[in-house]
N, C-alpha and C. Protein backbone atom coordinates (compact mmCIF):
# COMPACT_ATOMS: atom_id res chain seq x y z
N MET A 1 0.79 -1.06 -0.10
CA MET A 1 -0.57 0.08 -0.18
C MET A 1 0.83 1.36 -0.03
N PRO A 2 0.74 2.12 -0.83
CA PRO A 2 1.36 3.41 -0.94
C PRO A 2 1.33 4.48 0.18
N PRO A 3 2.14 5.09 0.66
CA PRO A 3 1.82 5.93 1.96
C PRO A 3 0.95 7.26 1.29
N VAL A 4 0.23 7.60 2.91
CA VAL A 4 -0.53 8.16 2.72
C VAL A 4 -0.12 9.68 3.33
N THR A 5 -0.16 10.77 2.11
CA THR A 5 0.08 12.02 2.52
C THR A 5 -1.02 13.25 2.72
N LEU A 6 -0.76 13.81 4.03
CA LEU A 6 -1.77 14.57 3.95
C LEU A 6 -1.36 16.72 4.36
N GLN A 7 -1.48 17.21 3.18
CA GLN A 7 -0.61 18.63 3.22
C GLN A 7 -1.67 19.60 4.07
N ARG A 8 -1.08 20.58 4.97
CA ARG A 8 -2.32 21.75 6.03
C ARG A 8 -1.59 23.02 5.87
N ARG A 9 -2.11 23.86 5.88
CA ARG A 9 -1.12 25.06 5.74
C ARG A 9 -1.97 25.96 7.03
N ILE A 10 -0.98 26.02 7.98
CA ILE A 10 -1.87 26.76 9.63
C ILE A 10 -0.87 28.11 9.63
N GLY A 11 -1.37 29.25 9.73
CA GLY A 11 -0.91 30.50 9.68
C GLY A 11 0.03 30.38 8.58
N GLY A 12 1.23 31.00 9.03
CA GLY A 12 2.39 30.90 7.85
C GLY A 12 3.25 29.61 7.36
N THR A 13 2.82 28.36 8.16
CA THR A 13 3.46 26.77 8.28
C THR A 13 2.91 26.07 7.16
N THR A 14 3.11 25.29 6.40
CA THR A 14 2.61 24.30 5.90
C THR A 14 3.49 23.01 6.65
N TYR A 15 2.63 21.65 6.93
CA TYR A 15 2.88 20.69 7.69
C TYR A 15 2.53 19.67 6.90
N ILE A 16 3.48 19.04 6.27
CA ILE A 16 3.03 17.83 5.47
C ILE A 16 3.29 16.39 6.06
N VAL A 17 2.46 15.55 5.84
CA VAL A 17 2.66 14.47 7.30
C VAL A 17 2.25 13.32 6.31
N SER A 18 3.08 11.96 6.45
CA SER A 18 2.98 11.22 5.64
C SER A 18 3.21 9.66 6.39
N SER A 19 2.05 9.10 6.17
CA SER A 19 1.69 8.07 6.74
C SER A 19 2.06 6.15 6.01
N ARG A 20 2.44 5.31 6.67
CA ARG A 20 2.67 3.83 6.28
C ARG A 20 2.16 3.00 6.86
N PHE A 21 1.09 2.00 6.20
CA PHE A 21 0.53 0.79 7.32
C PHE A 21 1.04 -0.85 6.86
N ASN A 22 0.89 -0.92 7.84
CA ASN A 22 1.35 -2.42 7.62
C ASN A 22 0.29 -3.07 7.44
N GLU A 23 0.57 -4.16 6.34
CA GLU A 23 -1.06 -4.74 6.05
C GLU A 23 -0.36 -6.18 7.09
N ARG A 24 0.50 -6.52 7.68
CA ARG A 24 0.28 -7.69 8.72
C ARG A 24 0.22 -6.83 10.16
N ALA A 25 -0.31 -5.74 10.32
CA ALA A 25 -0.48 -5.71 11.68
C ALA A 25 -1.42 -6.27 12.40
N LYS A 26 -1.17 -6.24 13.84
CA LYS A 26 -2.01 -6.97 14.44
C LYS A 26 -3.72 -6.11 15.25
N GLU A 27 -3.12 -5.09 14.88
CA GLU A 27 -4.46 -3.74 15.71
C GLU A 27 -4.38 -3.09 14.70
N ASP A 28 -5.77 -2.81 14.35
CA ASP A 28 -6.23 -1.23 13.47
C ASP A 28 -5.37 0.07 13.90
N MET A 29 -5.62 0.89 13.28
CA MET A 29 -5.32 2.16 13.86
C MET A 29 -6.04 2.80 14.91
N VAL A 30 -7.59 2.49 14.96
CA VAL A 30 -8.09 2.96 16.39
C VAL A 30 -7.99 1.87 17.41
N ALA A 31 -7.82 1.03 17.31
CA ALA A 31 -7.02 -0.23 18.28
C ALA A 31 -5.63 0.93 18.79
N LYS A 32 -5.44 1.10 17.84
CA LYS A 32 -4.19 1.33 18.31
C LYS A 32 -4.08 2.38 19.43
N VAL A 33 -4.28 4.06 18.54
CA VAL A 33 -4.49 4.87 19.28
C VAL A 33 -5.69 4.81 20.77
N LYS A 34 -6.03 4.00 21.21
CA LYS A 34 -6.94 4.01 22.08
C LYS A 34 -6.17 3.27 23.21
N ARG A 35 -5.09 2.35 22.66
CA ARG A 35 -4.18 2.20 23.48
C ARG A 35 -3.16 2.63 24.26
N LEU A 36 -2.72 3.57 23.38
CA LEU A 36 -1.71 4.43 23.41
C LEU A 36 -2.23 5.42 24.54
N ILE A 37 -3.78 6.03 24.27
CA ILE A 37 -3.84 7.02 25.22
C ILE A 37 -4.06 6.83 26.36
N LEU A 38 -4.84 5.12 26.68
CA LEU A 38 -5.15 4.76 27.94
C LEU A 38 -3.62 4.42 28.89
N SER A 39 -2.68 3.99 27.75
CA SER A 39 -1.58 3.57 28.70
C SER A 39 -0.74 5.16 29.23
N ASP A 40 -1.12 5.93 28.41
CA ASP A 40 -0.26 7.37 28.48
C ASP A 40 -1.28 7.57 29.81
N SER A 41 -2.33 6.94 29.83
CA SER A 41 -3.20 8.23 30.96
C SER A 41 -2.91 7.65 32.38
N GLY A 42 -2.31 6.27 32.89
CA GLY A 42 -1.76 5.81 33.80
C GLY A 42 -3.04 4.64 34.03
N GLN A 43 -4.08 4.10 32.58
CA GLN A 43 -5.24 2.92 32.87
C GLN A 43 -4.65 1.50 32.58
């Protein structure tokens, strides 16, 4: 799968974010973000 690239301009700065996805990942992005938030909050 090719990388996903997003470009946003906020004020005078342009941000370019590129994401790659592992087809063999054991969890999807929603599950991963939820896990990271919960682990960061100490739960």
